[in-house]
Amino acid sequence: VSNLNTENVEDMSHMFEGLLLLTALDISNFNIQNVNSMNNMFANCKSLTSIKFSQYKTENLKNLASTFENCHSLISIDLSHFDTQWVTTMNKMFFNCTAITSLDLSNFRTRNVINMNYAFCGCSNLEYLDITYFTGSSEKMVVISMFDGILNKGNIKVNSFYNSQINLKELLPSEWNITIVY
């Protein structure tokens, strides 16, 4: 994939979906500044352990639904350079990513996200989640089963506004420690 010219690509939905034997992927050379959808981009890549991203311009990104769904072997992922301020859909983004133990999404801005259903559902080994800058309004955001299937005791960092809007105590397993950042 190192020779792909992605400069004019607007939709990367399903691009690598279902590549069962893929174990590692380096897409750091991709230009994704015009991409608006990564829906199911890596879904069902069940052997994928790592994805190397770069410092992307992602200001046109709107759809991250099921991006990593069923990536059972994905251990960690660095999304620190993703600009998510215009994203509207994150449902099932990490659905059934059973190997992930830690997710730092502290840079994610979610003020326009409407659907976050099942976003972390099935992440059975997740022990740390930083969603410090997640924002949203309970009137427009849907968070059905957002954390279902998380089995381990863990820690989550969240801002006070987001916590008051979605009431994390009702969504997370009772063993989780919630750190509220003011």
Protein backbone atom coordinates (compact mmCIF):
# COMPACT_ATOMS: atom_id res chain seq x y z
CA VAL A 1 0.00 0.00 0.00
CA SER A 2 3.01 2.28 0.17
CA ASN A 3 2.55 3.36 -3.45
CA LEU A 4 -1.16 4.19 -3.28
CA ASN A 5 -2.03 7.78 -4.13
CA THR A 6 -4.93 8.64 -1.83
CA GLU A 7 -4.85 12.39 -2.30
CA ASN A 8 -8.30 12.61 -3.93
CA VAL A 9 -10.00 9.76 -2.09
CA GLU A 10 -13.13 10.79 -0.20
CA ASP A 11 -14.41 7.43 1.01
CA MET A 12 -12.22 4.68 2.49
CA SER A 13 -15.15 2.61 3.74
CA HIS A 14 -14.52 -1.15 3.65
CA MET A 15 -11.02 -0.61 2.21
CA PHE A 16 -9.30 -3.39 4.19
CA GLU A 17 -12.40 -5.08 5.58
CA GLY A 18 -12.22 -8.82 6.07
CA LEU A 19 -8.51 -9.30 5.34
CA LEU A 20 -8.29 -12.17 7.80
CA LEU A 21 -4.55 -12.85 7.47
CA LEU A 22 -3.41 -9.23 7.66
CA THR A 23 -1.31 -8.82 10.84
CA ALA A 24 0.22 -5.34 10.49
CA LEU A 25 -0.50 -2.36 8.31
CA ASP A 26 1.48 0.81 7.66
CA ILE A 27 -0.65 3.52 6.07
CA SER A 28 1.47 6.40 7.29
CA ASN A 29 1.98 7.52 3.69
CA PHE A 30 -1.75 7.92 3.05
CA ASN A 31 -3.10 11.41 2.43
CA ILE A 32 -6.56 11.36 3.97
CA GLN A 33 -7.33 15.06 4.16
CA ASN A 34 -10.31 14.66 1.79
CA VAL A 35 -11.66 11.47 3.36
CA ASN A 36 -15.10 11.81 4.93
CA SER A 37 -15.77 8.14 5.76
CA MET A 38 -13.72 5.31 7.24
CA ASN A 39 -16.80 3.19 7.89
CA ASN A 40 -15.73 -0.47 8.33
CA MET A 41 -12.27 0.41 6.99
CA PHE A 42 -10.50 -2.31 9.03
CA ALA A 43 -13.56 -4.28 10.17
CA ASN A 44 -13.14 -8.02 10.56
CA CYS A 45 -9.35 -7.92 10.15
CA LYS A 46 -9.21 -10.50 12.91
CA SER A 47 -5.41 -11.03 12.87
CA LEU A 48 -4.46 -7.35 12.68
CA THR A 49 -2.31 -6.43 15.70
CA SER A 50 -1.10 -2.96 14.68
CA ILE A 51 -1.85 -0.11 12.32
CA LYS A 52 0.67 2.65 11.78
CA PHE A 53 -0.94 6.00 11.13
CA SER A 54 0.69 9.36 10.58
CA GLN A 55 -0.03 12.96 11.47
CA TYR A 56 -3.03 13.29 9.23
CA LYS A 57 -5.21 16.20 8.36
CA THR A 58 -8.65 14.70 9.02
CA GLU A 59 -10.86 17.76 9.22
CA ASN A 60 -13.30 16.32 6.64
CA LEU A 61 -13.84 13.07 8.52
CA LYS A 62 -17.51 12.47 9.42
CA ASN A 63 -18.02 8.71 9.70
CA LEU A 64 -15.96 6.39 11.91
CA ALA A 65 -18.66 3.76 12.36
CA SER A 66 -17.30 0.22 12.79
CA THR A 67 -13.82 1.36 11.74
CA PHE A 68 -12.08 -1.29 13.87
CA GLU A 69 -15.05 -3.60 14.50
CA ASN A 70 -14.04 -7.21 15.20
CA CYS A 71 -10.31 -6.51 15.09
CA HIS A 72 -9.85 -9.15 17.77
CA SER A 73 -6.03 -9.05 17.77
CA LEU A 74 -5.56 -5.27 17.72
CA ILE A 75 -3.46 -4.59 20.81
CA SER A 76 -3.06 -0.83 20.71
CA ILE A 77 -3.69 2.02 18.36
CA ASP A 78 -2.45 5.60 18.24
CA LEU A 79 -5.16 7.94 17.02
CA SER A 80 -3.66 11.01 18.66
CA HIS A 81 -3.49 12.94 15.39
CA PHE A 82 -7.09 12.40 14.30
CA ASP A 83 -9.22 15.54 14.16
CA THR A 84 -12.68 14.31 15.11
CA GLN A 85 -14.44 17.62 15.66
CA TRP A 86 -16.75 17.13 12.64
CA VAL A 87 -17.40 13.39 13.08
CA THR A 88 -21.08 12.54 13.53
CA THR A 89 -20.97 8.74 13.74
CA MET A 90 -18.76 6.56 15.96
CA ASN A 91 -21.11 3.66 16.56
CA LYS A 92 -19.30 0.32 16.92
CA MET A 93 -15.97 2.05 16.32
CA PHE A 94 -14.06 -0.39 18.57
CA PHE A 95 -16.78 -3.07 18.79
CA ASN A 96 -15.32 -6.44 19.84
CA CYS A 97 -11.70 -5.26 19.88
CA THR A 98 -11.07 -7.89 22.54
CA ALA A 99 -7.26 -7.52 22.77
CA ILE A 100 -7.14 -3.77 23.41
CA THR A 101 -6.31 -2.97 27.03
CA SER A 102 -5.81 0.79 26.75
CA LEU A 103 -7.29 3.54 24.59
CA ASP A 104 -6.17 7.14 24.81
CA LEU A 105 -8.76 9.17 22.93
CA SER A 106 -8.04 12.32 24.93
CA ASN A 107 -7.63 14.32 21.73
CA PHE A 108 -11.04 13.30 20.33
CA ARG A 109 -13.56 16.13 20.15
CA THR A 110 -17.07 14.72 19.85
CA ARG A 111 -19.39 17.71 19.99
CA ASN A 112 -21.03 16.72 16.67
CA VAL A 113 -21.30 12.99 17.32
CA ILE A 114 -24.89 11.82 17.32
CA ASN A 115 -24.41 8.04 17.39
CA MET A 116 -22.00 6.39 19.78
CA ASN A 117 -23.96 3.13 20.19
CA TYR A 118 -21.80 0.11 21.03
CA ALA A 119 -18.61 2.21 20.56
CA PHE A 120 -16.57 0.15 23.07
CA CYS A 121 -18.95 -2.80 23.40
CA GLY A 122 -17.15 -6.14 23.59
CA CYS A 123 -13.75 -4.63 24.44
CA SER A 124 -13.55 -7.28 27.12
CA ASN A 125 -9.93 -6.59 28.16
CA LEU A 126 -10.12 -2.80 28.19
CA GLU A 127 -8.61 -1.50 31.44
CA TYR A 128 -7.96 2.17 30.65
CA LEU A 129 -9.95 4.64 28.59
CA ASP A 130 -9.27 8.37 28.32
CA ILE A 131 -12.17 10.28 26.80
CA THR A 132 -11.32 13.54 28.55
CA TYR A 133 -12.55 15.78 25.73
CA PHE A 134 -15.63 13.85 24.69
CA THR A 135 -18.52 16.26 24.73
CA GLY A 136 -22.08 15.91 23.69
CA SER A 137 -25.64 16.59 24.55
CA SER A 138 -27.95 13.96 25.95
CA GLU A 139 -30.68 15.36 23.72
CA LYS A 140 -28.90 14.42 20.50
CA MET A 141 -26.34 11.73 21.36
CA VAL A 142 -27.33 8.08 21.46
CA VAL A 143 -25.12 5.87 23.63
CA ILE A 144 -26.95 2.52 23.77
CA SER A 145 -24.71 -0.25 25.14
CA MET A 146 -21.66 1.95 24.68
CA PHE A 147 -19.60 -0.05 27.21
CA ASP A 148 -21.33 -3.45 27.27
CA GLY A 149 -19.02 -6.44 27.50
CA ILE A 150 -16.15 -4.70 29.28
CA LEU A 151 -15.12 -7.32 31.82
CA ASN A 152 -12.03 -6.09 33.64
CA LYS A 153 -11.79 -3.58 36.41
CA GLY A 154 -10.53 -0.38 34.87
CA ASN A 155 -10.09 3.35 34.88
CA ILE A 156 -11.72 6.00 32.76
CA LYS A 157 -10.93 9.72 32.48
CA VAL A 158 -13.78 11.94 31.44
CA ASN A 159 -14.65 15.63 31.66
CA SER A 160 -17.34 16.76 34.08
CA PHE A 161 -19.73 17.96 31.36
CA TYR A 162 -19.74 14.67 29.46
CA ASN A 163 -20.15 12.66 32.65
CA SER A 164 -23.15 14.76 33.68
CA GLN A 165 -24.76 14.33 30.26
CA ILE A 166 -24.55 10.56 29.86
CA ASN A 167 -24.14 9.35 33.49
CA LEU A 168 -21.21 6.97 33.14
CA LYS A 169 -22.04 5.24 36.42
CA GLU A 170 -25.08 3.74 34.71
CA LEU A 171 -23.14 2.68 31.60
CA LEU A 172 -19.87 1.30 33.01
CA PRO A 173 -19.29 -1.80 35.12
CA SER A 174 -19.48 -0.82 38.79
CA GLU A 175 -15.82 -1.82 39.36
CA TRP A 176 -14.55 0.97 37.11
CA ASN A 177 -12.92 4.03 38.65
CA ILE A 178 -14.14 7.25 37.08
CA THR A 179 -11.75 10.21 37.16
CA ILE A 180 -13.57 13.42 36.38
CA VAL A 181 -11.47 16.23 34.92
CA TYR A 182 -12.80 19.73 35.54
